[in-house]
Structure formats: structure tokens, C-alpha cells
N, C-alpha and C. Protein backbone atom coordinates (compact mmCIF):
# COMPACT_ATOMS: atom_id res chain seq x y z
N MET A 1 17.60 -15.04 -9.80
CA MET A 1 16.67 -14.22 -9.07
C MET A 1 17.42 -13.45 -7.98
N PRO A 2 17.19 -12.13 -7.86
CA PRO A 2 17.91 -11.35 -6.86
C PRO A 2 17.52 -11.75 -5.44
N LEU A 3 18.47 -11.59 -4.55
CA LEU A 3 18.24 -11.93 -3.16
C LEU A 3 17.24 -10.98 -2.51
N PHE A 4 17.33 -9.69 -2.85
CA PHE A 4 16.43 -8.70 -2.29
C PHE A 4 15.65 -8.05 -3.42
N LYS A 5 14.36 -7.99 -3.25
CA LYS A 5 13.51 -7.35 -4.24
C LYS A 5 13.57 -5.83 -4.05
N LYS A 6 13.72 -5.11 -5.16
CA LYS A 6 13.75 -3.65 -5.10
C LYS A 6 12.35 -3.12 -4.83
N SER A 7 12.30 -2.03 -4.07
CA SER A 7 11.02 -1.41 -3.82
C SER A 7 10.51 -0.77 -5.10
N ARG A 8 9.24 -0.47 -5.09
CA ARG A 8 8.65 0.19 -6.26
C ARG A 8 9.33 1.52 -6.54
N VAL A 9 9.64 2.27 -5.48
CA VAL A 9 10.32 3.56 -5.66
C VAL A 9 11.68 3.36 -6.29
N GLU A 10 12.44 2.40 -5.80
CA GLU A 10 13.76 2.13 -6.39
C GLU A 10 13.64 1.78 -7.86
N GLN A 11 12.63 1.01 -8.21
CA GLN A 11 12.42 0.65 -9.61
C GLN A 11 12.10 1.88 -10.46
N LEU A 12 11.25 2.76 -9.93
CA LEU A 12 10.88 3.98 -10.66
C LEU A 12 12.07 4.93 -10.80
N VAL A 13 12.86 5.04 -9.75
CA VAL A 13 14.06 5.90 -9.82
C VAL A 13 15.03 5.36 -10.85
N LYS A 14 15.26 4.06 -10.81
CA LYS A 14 16.19 3.44 -11.76
C LYS A 14 15.72 3.64 -13.20
N ALA A 15 14.41 3.56 -13.40
CA ALA A 15 13.84 3.74 -14.74
C ALA A 15 13.69 5.22 -15.11
N LYS A 16 13.99 6.10 -14.16
CA LYS A 16 13.82 7.55 -14.35
C LYS A 16 12.38 7.89 -14.75
N ASP A 17 11.45 7.19 -14.10
CA ASP A 17 10.02 7.35 -14.37
C ASP A 17 9.43 8.40 -13.43
N VAL A 18 9.59 9.65 -13.83
CA VAL A 18 9.13 10.77 -13.00
C VAL A 18 7.61 10.73 -12.85
N ALA A 19 6.91 10.46 -13.94
CA ALA A 19 5.45 10.40 -13.88
C ALA A 19 5.00 9.31 -12.91
N GLY A 20 5.70 8.19 -12.90
CA GLY A 20 5.38 7.11 -11.97
C GLY A 20 5.60 7.51 -10.52
N LEU A 21 6.69 8.23 -10.24
CA LEU A 21 6.94 8.72 -8.88
C LEU A 21 5.85 9.69 -8.45
N ILE A 22 5.48 10.59 -9.34
CA ILE A 22 4.44 11.57 -9.02
C ILE A 22 3.12 10.87 -8.71
N ALA A 23 2.77 9.88 -9.52
CA ALA A 23 1.53 9.14 -9.29
C ALA A 23 1.57 8.38 -7.96
N LEU A 24 2.73 7.86 -7.62
CA LEU A 24 2.88 7.09 -6.39
C LEU A 24 2.69 7.96 -5.14
N ILE A 25 3.09 9.21 -5.22
CA ILE A 25 3.06 10.10 -4.05
C ILE A 25 1.66 10.20 -3.45
N THR A 26 0.65 10.29 -4.27
CA THR A 26 -0.71 10.45 -3.74
C THR A 26 -1.59 9.23 -4.03
N GLY A 27 -0.97 8.14 -4.41
CA GLY A 27 -1.73 6.93 -4.70
C GLY A 27 -2.11 6.17 -3.45
N PRO A 28 -2.64 4.96 -3.64
CA PRO A 28 -3.12 4.15 -2.51
C PRO A 28 -2.02 3.34 -1.83
N ASP A 29 -0.78 3.52 -2.25
CA ASP A 29 0.33 2.72 -1.72
C ASP A 29 0.59 3.04 -0.25
N PRO A 30 1.35 2.16 0.42
CA PRO A 30 1.67 2.41 1.84
C PRO A 30 2.39 3.75 2.01
N ALA A 31 2.22 4.34 3.17
CA ALA A 31 2.80 5.65 3.45
C ALA A 31 4.30 5.68 3.22
N ARG A 32 4.99 4.63 3.59
CA ARG A 32 6.46 4.58 3.42
C ARG A 32 6.84 4.74 1.95
N GLU A 33 6.13 4.07 1.06
CA GLU A 33 6.41 4.18 -0.37
C GLU A 33 6.11 5.58 -0.88
N ARG A 34 4.99 6.16 -0.43
CA ARG A 34 4.63 7.51 -0.86
C ARG A 34 5.65 8.53 -0.38
N ALA A 35 6.11 8.36 0.87
CA ALA A 35 7.13 9.26 1.42
C ALA A 35 8.44 9.13 0.65
N ASP A 36 8.85 7.90 0.37
CA ASP A 36 10.08 7.69 -0.38
C ASP A 36 9.99 8.29 -1.79
N ALA A 37 8.83 8.17 -2.42
CA ALA A 37 8.65 8.75 -3.76
C ALA A 37 8.79 10.26 -3.72
N ALA A 38 8.18 10.89 -2.73
CA ALA A 38 8.29 12.35 -2.59
C ALA A 38 9.73 12.75 -2.33
N HIS A 39 10.41 12.00 -1.49
CA HIS A 39 11.80 12.31 -1.15
C HIS A 39 12.73 12.21 -2.36
N GLU A 40 12.45 11.28 -3.25
CA GLU A 40 13.31 11.07 -4.43
C GLU A 40 13.03 12.06 -5.56
N LEU A 41 11.88 12.66 -5.55
CA LEU A 41 11.46 13.53 -6.67
C LEU A 41 12.46 14.64 -7.01
N PRO A 42 13.06 15.33 -6.04
CA PRO A 42 13.98 16.41 -6.40
C PRO A 42 15.18 15.98 -7.24
N ARG A 43 15.51 14.68 -7.24
CA ARG A 43 16.59 14.19 -8.11
C ARG A 43 16.33 14.54 -9.58
N PHE A 44 15.07 14.70 -9.89
CA PHE A 44 14.67 14.89 -11.28
C PHE A 44 14.16 16.31 -11.53
N ALA A 45 14.77 17.27 -10.86
CA ALA A 45 14.30 18.66 -10.93
C ALA A 45 14.21 19.19 -12.36
N GLU A 46 15.21 18.92 -13.16
CA GLU A 46 15.19 19.43 -14.54
C GLU A 46 14.04 18.83 -15.33
N GLU A 47 13.87 17.53 -15.22
CA GLU A 47 12.78 16.84 -15.91
C GLU A 47 11.42 17.36 -15.43
N ILE A 48 11.31 17.58 -14.13
CA ILE A 48 10.06 18.09 -13.57
C ILE A 48 9.75 19.46 -14.13
N GLU A 49 10.73 20.35 -14.12
CA GLU A 49 10.51 21.71 -14.64
C GLU A 49 10.15 21.68 -16.13
N ALA A 50 10.74 20.77 -16.87
CA ALA A 50 10.50 20.71 -18.31
C ALA A 50 9.15 20.08 -18.67
N ARG A 51 8.73 19.07 -17.90
CA ARG A 51 7.56 18.30 -18.35
C ARG A 51 6.49 18.01 -17.31
N HIS A 52 6.82 18.13 -16.02
CA HIS A 52 5.90 17.63 -14.99
C HIS A 52 5.62 18.60 -13.86
N ARG A 53 5.91 19.87 -14.05
CA ARG A 53 5.85 20.82 -12.94
C ARG A 53 4.46 20.86 -12.29
N ASP A 54 3.42 21.03 -13.09
CA ASP A 54 2.08 21.15 -12.52
C ASP A 54 1.65 19.89 -11.77
N ALA A 55 1.91 18.74 -12.37
CA ALA A 55 1.53 17.47 -11.73
C ALA A 55 2.33 17.24 -10.45
N ALA A 56 3.63 17.53 -10.50
CA ALA A 56 4.47 17.35 -9.31
C ALA A 56 4.05 18.31 -8.21
N HIS A 57 3.79 19.55 -8.58
CA HIS A 57 3.39 20.54 -7.58
C HIS A 57 2.07 20.13 -6.93
N ALA A 58 1.11 19.70 -7.73
CA ALA A 58 -0.18 19.27 -7.18
C ALA A 58 -0.02 18.07 -6.25
N ALA A 59 0.79 17.10 -6.65
CA ALA A 59 1.00 15.91 -5.83
C ALA A 59 1.69 16.26 -4.51
N LEU A 60 2.72 17.10 -4.58
CA LEU A 60 3.44 17.47 -3.36
C LEU A 60 2.60 18.34 -2.43
N THR A 61 1.80 19.23 -3.02
CA THR A 61 0.91 20.06 -2.21
C THR A 61 -0.09 19.19 -1.46
N ARG A 62 -0.64 18.21 -2.17
CA ARG A 62 -1.57 17.28 -1.52
C ARG A 62 -0.87 16.44 -0.46
N ALA A 63 0.35 15.98 -0.78
CA ALA A 63 1.10 15.16 0.17
C ALA A 63 1.50 15.94 1.42
N ALA A 64 1.66 17.24 1.29
CA ALA A 64 2.00 18.07 2.46
C ALA A 64 0.85 18.11 3.46
N GLN A 65 -0.33 17.64 3.05
CA GLN A 65 -1.50 17.57 3.93
C GLN A 65 -1.87 16.12 4.27
N ASP A 66 -1.03 15.18 3.90
CA ASP A 66 -1.31 13.76 4.09
C ASP A 66 -1.49 13.43 5.58
N PRO A 67 -2.32 12.44 5.89
CA PRO A 67 -2.48 12.04 7.29
C PRO A 67 -1.19 11.50 7.93
N ASP A 68 -0.27 10.99 7.11
CA ASP A 68 0.97 10.41 7.63
C ASP A 68 2.07 11.46 7.76
N ALA A 69 2.68 11.54 8.93
CA ALA A 69 3.72 12.55 9.18
C ALA A 69 4.94 12.37 8.29
N GLU A 70 5.32 11.14 8.01
CA GLU A 70 6.49 10.90 7.15
C GLU A 70 6.23 11.39 5.73
N VAL A 71 5.03 11.20 5.24
CA VAL A 71 4.68 11.69 3.90
C VAL A 71 4.70 13.21 3.90
N ARG A 72 4.15 13.82 4.93
CA ARG A 72 4.15 15.29 5.01
C ARG A 72 5.59 15.82 5.03
N SER A 73 6.45 15.22 5.84
CA SER A 73 7.84 15.66 5.93
C SER A 73 8.56 15.52 4.59
N SER A 74 8.36 14.41 3.92
CA SER A 74 9.01 14.20 2.62
C SER A 74 8.50 15.17 1.57
N ALA A 75 7.22 15.48 1.63
CA ALA A 75 6.65 16.46 0.69
C ALA A 75 7.26 17.84 0.94
N LEU A 76 7.41 18.22 2.20
CA LEU A 76 8.02 19.51 2.53
C LEU A 76 9.47 19.55 2.06
N PHE A 77 10.19 18.45 2.24
CA PHE A 77 11.56 18.37 1.74
C PHE A 77 11.60 18.60 0.24
N ALA A 78 10.76 17.89 -0.49
CA ALA A 78 10.75 18.01 -1.96
C ALA A 78 10.38 19.42 -2.40
N LEU A 79 9.36 19.99 -1.78
CA LEU A 79 8.95 21.35 -2.14
C LEU A 79 10.09 22.35 -1.92
N SER A 80 10.78 22.21 -0.79
CA SER A 80 11.87 23.15 -0.52
C SER A 80 13.07 22.90 -1.43
N GLU A 81 13.37 21.64 -1.71
CA GLU A 81 14.49 21.32 -2.61
C GLU A 81 14.23 21.80 -4.04
N LEU A 82 12.99 21.71 -4.46
CA LEU A 82 12.65 22.15 -5.81
C LEU A 82 12.61 23.68 -5.90
N GLY A 83 12.56 24.34 -4.75
CA GLY A 83 12.68 25.78 -4.69
C GLY A 83 11.53 26.57 -5.29
N TRP A 84 10.35 26.01 -5.27
CA TRP A 84 9.21 26.70 -5.83
C TRP A 84 8.80 27.88 -4.94
N ASP A 85 8.15 28.85 -5.56
CA ASP A 85 7.80 30.09 -4.87
C ASP A 85 7.00 29.87 -3.59
N ASP A 86 6.16 28.86 -3.56
CA ASP A 86 5.32 28.65 -2.38
C ASP A 86 5.94 27.70 -1.35
N ALA A 87 7.20 27.34 -1.54
CA ALA A 87 7.85 26.43 -0.60
C ALA A 87 7.83 27.00 0.82
N VAL A 88 8.10 28.28 0.95
CA VAL A 88 8.12 28.90 2.28
C VAL A 88 6.74 28.80 2.93
N GLU A 89 5.69 29.03 2.14
CA GLU A 89 4.33 28.93 2.70
C GLU A 89 4.06 27.53 3.24
N HIS A 90 4.46 26.52 2.49
CA HIS A 90 4.27 25.13 2.95
C HIS A 90 5.09 24.86 4.21
N LEU A 91 6.33 25.36 4.25
CA LEU A 91 7.17 25.15 5.42
C LEU A 91 6.63 25.90 6.64
N LEU A 92 6.12 27.10 6.43
CA LEU A 92 5.52 27.84 7.54
C LEU A 92 4.31 27.08 8.10
N ALA A 93 3.52 26.49 7.22
CA ALA A 93 2.40 25.67 7.68
C ALA A 93 2.92 24.44 8.42
N GLY A 94 3.98 23.85 7.91
CA GLY A 94 4.58 22.69 8.56
C GLY A 94 5.12 23.00 9.95
N ALA A 95 5.54 24.24 10.16
CA ALA A 95 6.04 24.66 11.48
C ALA A 95 4.94 24.66 12.53
N LYS A 96 3.68 24.55 12.09
CA LYS A 96 2.53 24.50 13.02
C LYS A 96 1.88 23.12 13.03
N ASP A 97 2.51 22.14 12.42
CA ASP A 97 1.95 20.79 12.31
C ASP A 97 1.69 20.18 13.69
N SER A 98 0.77 19.25 13.76
CA SER A 98 0.46 18.59 15.03
C SER A 98 1.56 17.63 15.46
N GLU A 99 2.37 17.15 14.53
CA GLU A 99 3.45 16.20 14.85
C GLU A 99 4.77 16.94 15.00
N TRP A 100 5.45 16.71 16.11
CA TRP A 100 6.70 17.42 16.37
C TRP A 100 7.76 17.12 15.32
N VAL A 101 7.78 15.92 14.76
CA VAL A 101 8.78 15.57 13.75
C VAL A 101 8.62 16.43 12.50
N VAL A 102 7.40 16.67 12.10
CA VAL A 102 7.13 17.52 10.94
C VAL A 102 7.52 18.95 11.25
N ARG A 103 7.18 19.42 12.45
CA ARG A 103 7.56 20.79 12.84
C ARG A 103 9.07 20.94 12.84
N MET A 104 9.78 19.96 13.39
CA MET A 104 11.23 20.02 13.45
C MET A 104 11.82 20.08 12.04
N PHE A 105 11.31 19.25 11.18
CA PHE A 105 11.80 19.23 9.81
C PHE A 105 11.51 20.56 9.11
N ALA A 106 10.30 21.09 9.29
CA ALA A 106 9.91 22.34 8.64
C ALA A 106 10.79 23.50 9.10
N VAL A 107 11.03 23.62 10.40
CA VAL A 107 11.85 24.74 10.87
C VAL A 107 13.30 24.60 10.42
N THR A 108 13.78 23.37 10.34
CA THR A 108 15.14 23.15 9.84
C THR A 108 15.25 23.64 8.39
N MET A 109 14.28 23.28 7.57
CA MET A 109 14.29 23.69 6.16
C MET A 109 14.08 25.19 6.01
N LEU A 110 13.34 25.81 6.91
CA LEU A 110 13.12 27.25 6.86
C LEU A 110 14.42 28.03 6.99
N GLY A 111 15.42 27.44 7.61
CA GLY A 111 16.72 28.08 7.74
C GLY A 111 17.39 28.36 6.41
N ARG A 112 16.87 27.82 5.34
CA ARG A 112 17.41 28.06 3.99
C ARG A 112 16.76 29.26 3.30
N PHE A 113 15.74 29.83 3.90
CA PHE A 113 14.95 30.88 3.25
C PHE A 113 14.98 32.16 4.07
N PRO A 114 16.03 32.97 3.91
CA PRO A 114 16.14 34.19 4.71
C PRO A 114 14.99 35.15 4.49
N GLY A 115 14.64 35.83 5.55
CA GLY A 115 13.59 36.83 5.50
C GLY A 115 13.07 37.09 6.89
N GLU A 116 12.59 38.29 7.10
CA GLU A 116 12.10 38.67 8.42
C GLU A 116 10.86 37.86 8.83
N ARG A 117 10.00 37.56 7.86
CA ARG A 117 8.79 36.78 8.20
C ARG A 117 9.18 35.39 8.70
N VAL A 118 10.11 34.76 8.01
CA VAL A 118 10.59 33.44 8.43
C VAL A 118 11.24 33.55 9.81
N ALA A 119 12.08 34.55 10.00
CA ALA A 119 12.74 34.74 11.29
C ALA A 119 11.72 34.95 12.41
N SER A 120 10.68 35.68 12.13
CA SER A 120 9.64 35.92 13.13
C SER A 120 8.95 34.62 13.53
N VAL A 121 8.60 33.81 12.55
CA VAL A 121 7.95 32.52 12.85
C VAL A 121 8.90 31.61 13.62
N LEU A 122 10.16 31.56 13.20
CA LEU A 122 11.13 30.73 13.90
C LEU A 122 11.32 31.21 15.34
N GLY A 123 11.30 32.51 15.55
CA GLY A 123 11.39 33.06 16.90
C GLY A 123 10.21 32.64 17.76
N THR A 124 9.03 32.64 17.17
CA THR A 124 7.83 32.21 17.89
C THR A 124 7.91 30.73 18.23
N VAL A 125 8.36 29.92 17.27
CA VAL A 125 8.51 28.48 17.52
C VAL A 125 9.53 28.27 18.63
N LEU A 126 10.64 28.98 18.57
CA LEU A 126 11.67 28.85 19.61
C LEU A 126 11.12 29.18 20.99
N ALA A 127 10.28 30.18 21.06
CA ALA A 127 9.73 30.60 22.35
C ALA A 127 8.60 29.71 22.84
N ASP A 128 7.81 29.15 21.93
CA ASP A 128 6.55 28.53 22.34
C ASP A 128 6.38 27.04 22.09
N ASP A 129 7.21 26.43 21.26
CA ASP A 129 6.95 25.02 20.94
C ASP A 129 7.18 24.15 22.18
N PRO A 130 6.29 23.20 22.43
CA PRO A 130 6.43 22.36 23.62
C PRO A 130 7.56 21.32 23.51
N GLU A 131 8.04 21.05 22.31
CA GLU A 131 9.05 20.01 22.09
C GLU A 131 10.45 20.62 21.99
N GLY A 132 11.34 20.17 22.87
CA GLY A 132 12.70 20.69 22.89
C GLY A 132 13.45 20.54 21.59
N MET A 133 13.28 19.41 20.92
CA MET A 133 14.00 19.20 19.66
C MET A 133 13.54 20.18 18.58
N VAL A 134 12.29 20.57 18.61
CA VAL A 134 11.78 21.56 17.66
C VAL A 134 12.36 22.92 17.99
N ARG A 135 12.41 23.26 19.27
CA ARG A 135 13.00 24.55 19.67
C ARG A 135 14.48 24.60 19.32
N GLU A 136 15.17 23.49 19.53
CA GLU A 136 16.60 23.41 19.18
C GLU A 136 16.79 23.62 17.67
N ALA A 137 15.98 22.96 16.86
CA ALA A 137 16.07 23.12 15.40
C ALA A 137 15.75 24.55 14.99
N SER A 138 14.81 25.17 15.68
CA SER A 138 14.44 26.55 15.39
C SER A 138 15.60 27.50 15.70
N ALA A 139 16.26 27.28 16.83
CA ALA A 139 17.42 28.11 17.19
C ALA A 139 18.51 27.98 16.14
N SER A 140 18.80 26.77 15.72
CA SER A 140 19.82 26.55 14.69
C SER A 140 19.44 27.22 13.37
N ALA A 141 18.17 27.10 13.00
CA ALA A 141 17.70 27.71 11.76
C ALA A 141 17.82 29.23 11.82
N LEU A 142 17.52 29.81 12.98
CA LEU A 142 17.68 31.26 13.13
C LEU A 142 19.13 31.67 12.93
N GLY A 143 20.05 30.88 13.43
CA GLY A 143 21.47 31.16 13.22
C GLY A 143 21.86 31.05 11.76
N ASP A 144 21.24 30.12 11.05
CA ASP A 144 21.52 29.93 9.62
C ASP A 144 21.00 31.09 8.78
N LEU A 145 19.90 31.70 9.21
CA LEU A 145 19.28 32.76 8.42
C LEU A 145 20.17 33.98 8.26
N GLY A 146 20.84 34.37 9.33
CA GLY A 146 21.68 35.55 9.27
C GLY A 146 20.93 36.85 9.28
N VAL A 147 19.69 36.85 9.75
CA VAL A 147 18.90 38.09 9.86
C VAL A 147 18.60 38.32 11.34
N PRO A 148 18.45 39.58 11.74
CA PRO A 148 18.28 39.88 13.16
C PRO A 148 16.90 39.61 13.74
N GLY A 149 15.94 39.16 12.94
CA GLY A 149 14.57 39.01 13.40
C GLY A 149 14.35 38.16 14.63
N GLY A 150 15.18 37.20 14.89
CA GLY A 150 14.96 36.31 16.02
C GLY A 150 15.93 36.50 17.16
N LEU A 151 16.66 37.62 17.17
CA LEU A 151 17.69 37.81 18.19
C LEU A 151 17.15 37.76 19.62
N GLU A 152 16.04 38.42 19.86
CA GLU A 152 15.49 38.45 21.22
C GLU A 152 15.08 37.03 21.66
N SER A 153 14.47 36.29 20.75
CA SER A 153 14.09 34.90 21.07
C SER A 153 15.32 34.06 21.35
N LEU A 154 16.38 34.26 20.57
CA LEU A 154 17.62 33.50 20.78
C LEU A 154 18.25 33.86 22.13
N ARG A 155 18.29 35.14 22.45
CA ARG A 155 18.86 35.55 23.74
C ARG A 155 18.08 34.95 24.90
N ARG A 156 16.75 35.02 24.81
CA ARG A 156 15.91 34.48 25.87
C ARG A 156 16.12 32.96 26.00
N ALA A 157 16.15 32.28 24.86
CA ALA A 157 16.34 30.82 24.90
C ALA A 157 17.71 30.46 25.46
N ALA A 158 18.75 31.21 25.08
CA ALA A 158 20.10 30.93 25.57
C ALA A 158 20.19 31.06 27.09
N GLU A 159 19.38 31.93 27.65
CA GLU A 159 19.42 32.16 29.09
C GLU A 159 18.39 31.36 29.88
N GLU A 160 17.20 31.14 29.28
CA GLU A 160 16.09 30.64 30.09
C GLU A 160 15.48 29.30 29.68
N ASP A 161 15.79 28.80 28.48
CA ASP A 161 15.11 27.58 28.06
C ASP A 161 15.44 26.44 29.03
N PRO A 162 14.44 25.65 29.40
CA PRO A 162 14.68 24.56 30.34
C PRO A 162 15.51 23.41 29.76
N ASP A 163 15.62 23.35 28.44
CA ASP A 163 16.36 22.27 27.78
C ASP A 163 17.79 22.72 27.49
N ARG A 164 18.74 22.01 28.02
CA ARG A 164 20.16 22.34 27.85
C ARG A 164 20.56 22.41 26.38
N GLU A 165 20.07 21.48 25.56
CA GLU A 165 20.43 21.45 24.14
C GLU A 165 19.88 22.67 23.40
N VAL A 166 18.72 23.13 23.81
CA VAL A 166 18.14 24.34 23.21
C VAL A 166 19.00 25.54 23.58
N ARG A 167 19.40 25.62 24.84
CA ARG A 167 20.26 26.73 25.27
C ARG A 167 21.57 26.74 24.47
N LYS A 168 22.16 25.56 24.30
CA LYS A 168 23.41 25.46 23.53
C LYS A 168 23.20 25.87 22.07
N ALA A 169 22.11 25.44 21.46
CA ALA A 169 21.83 25.79 20.06
C ALA A 169 21.61 27.29 19.93
N ALA A 170 20.93 27.89 20.89
CA ALA A 170 20.69 29.34 20.86
C ALA A 170 22.01 30.10 21.02
N GLU A 171 22.86 29.65 21.93
CA GLU A 171 24.16 30.29 22.10
C GLU A 171 24.99 30.20 20.83
N SER A 172 25.00 29.05 20.22
CA SER A 172 25.74 28.85 18.98
C SER A 172 25.20 29.74 17.85
N ALA A 173 23.89 29.84 17.77
CA ALA A 173 23.28 30.70 16.75
C ALA A 173 23.66 32.16 16.97
N LEU A 174 23.66 32.60 18.22
CA LEU A 174 24.04 33.98 18.53
C LEU A 174 25.49 34.24 18.14
N LYS A 175 26.36 33.26 18.38
CA LYS A 175 27.76 33.41 17.97
C LYS A 175 27.90 33.53 16.46
N ARG A 176 27.14 32.67 15.73
CA ARG A 176 27.21 32.72 14.26
C ARG A 176 26.70 34.07 13.74
N LEU A 177 25.76 34.67 14.48
CA LEU A 177 25.24 35.97 14.08
C LEU A 177 26.10 37.12 14.60
N GLY A 178 27.17 36.79 15.33
CA GLY A 178 28.05 37.83 15.86
C GLY A 178 27.46 38.60 17.01
N LYS A 179 26.56 38.00 17.76
CA LYS A 179 25.88 38.70 18.86
C LYS A 179 26.28 38.12 20.18
């Protein structure tokens, strides 16, 4: 008998049971298990695209609205990793989440999706979010984007943000953008 029992998610991953992971994401299981299932789903991107796209998309879309912040964050991760067309929409919604951890995660992931609309939202988050760690993540994401949409927000944050780490992240982003 093994010393440590494997979690249900570990068992499903080992068995490559994509349908089981999808079912677990929105099932009655504890939030930690549902979050872990969502987080592991991108490992099976090819299988999902071939056989489970609609079910996986529906489960992740529902999980992105879950009452638990960890489940929401994991769903956003999976949606962005799978690269579906609506990933940016989910991340933009996540940037307005009530939980700062979800907002921080969403803005970090938005740094992978260049575009003026994303830059505009990140600039707004950088200027207005009450949580320093979210503003810091937003500044870094703006630097990752490589588009000029958030330059004014970055300059203002580099000079005026009350949080030293946010100022440093904004300065670093401006340097990466050559400004």
C-alpha cells in the first residue's frame, strides 16, 4: 500500500482521462480539486481539440465564474494556455474580479495577448486598482505587450505610485519598451 494516496486529479492525469478532468472542474468536488483539474487541462491540448473542445470550453467558462477564487484563476490559466479566441474576453473580465489574486493573475496573463484594447485595460488597472500587487503585475504586463497603449499610465506610475514595487515595475516596463 502506498504511503501517500494520490489525489483524484493526479489519478486522472496519470490515466490521461481528459473527460474525467473536465467533469471534475464543475462537479461537486472540493474547490482545490476543481482548481487543480482546470490547471492540468492544458497538458492535453491536442486531445481536447480533437475530441473534447466544446465540453472543455463549457466547463472552463463556467469555472471562470466559480465562487472560489482559486478555481476562477485556474480556469483563466487554462483558457489562456489553450489559446481559444475568447481567452482575452475571460481575462479582461478577470481583471475586474472582486478578488485581488484573480485580478493579479488575469493581468499577468493578459501580457501574452498584444493589442491596444488589452493595453488600455492594463493601463486602467495600473492607474486605479487598489491593490499594489495587481498594479505591479499590470505594469509588468504592459512592458511585455510591447505596444504604446499604456505608456502614459506607466510614466505616471513610475513617478507617482505610492508603492515602491509598482514604481520599479513601471520603470522596468518603460525600459523594455525603450521609453
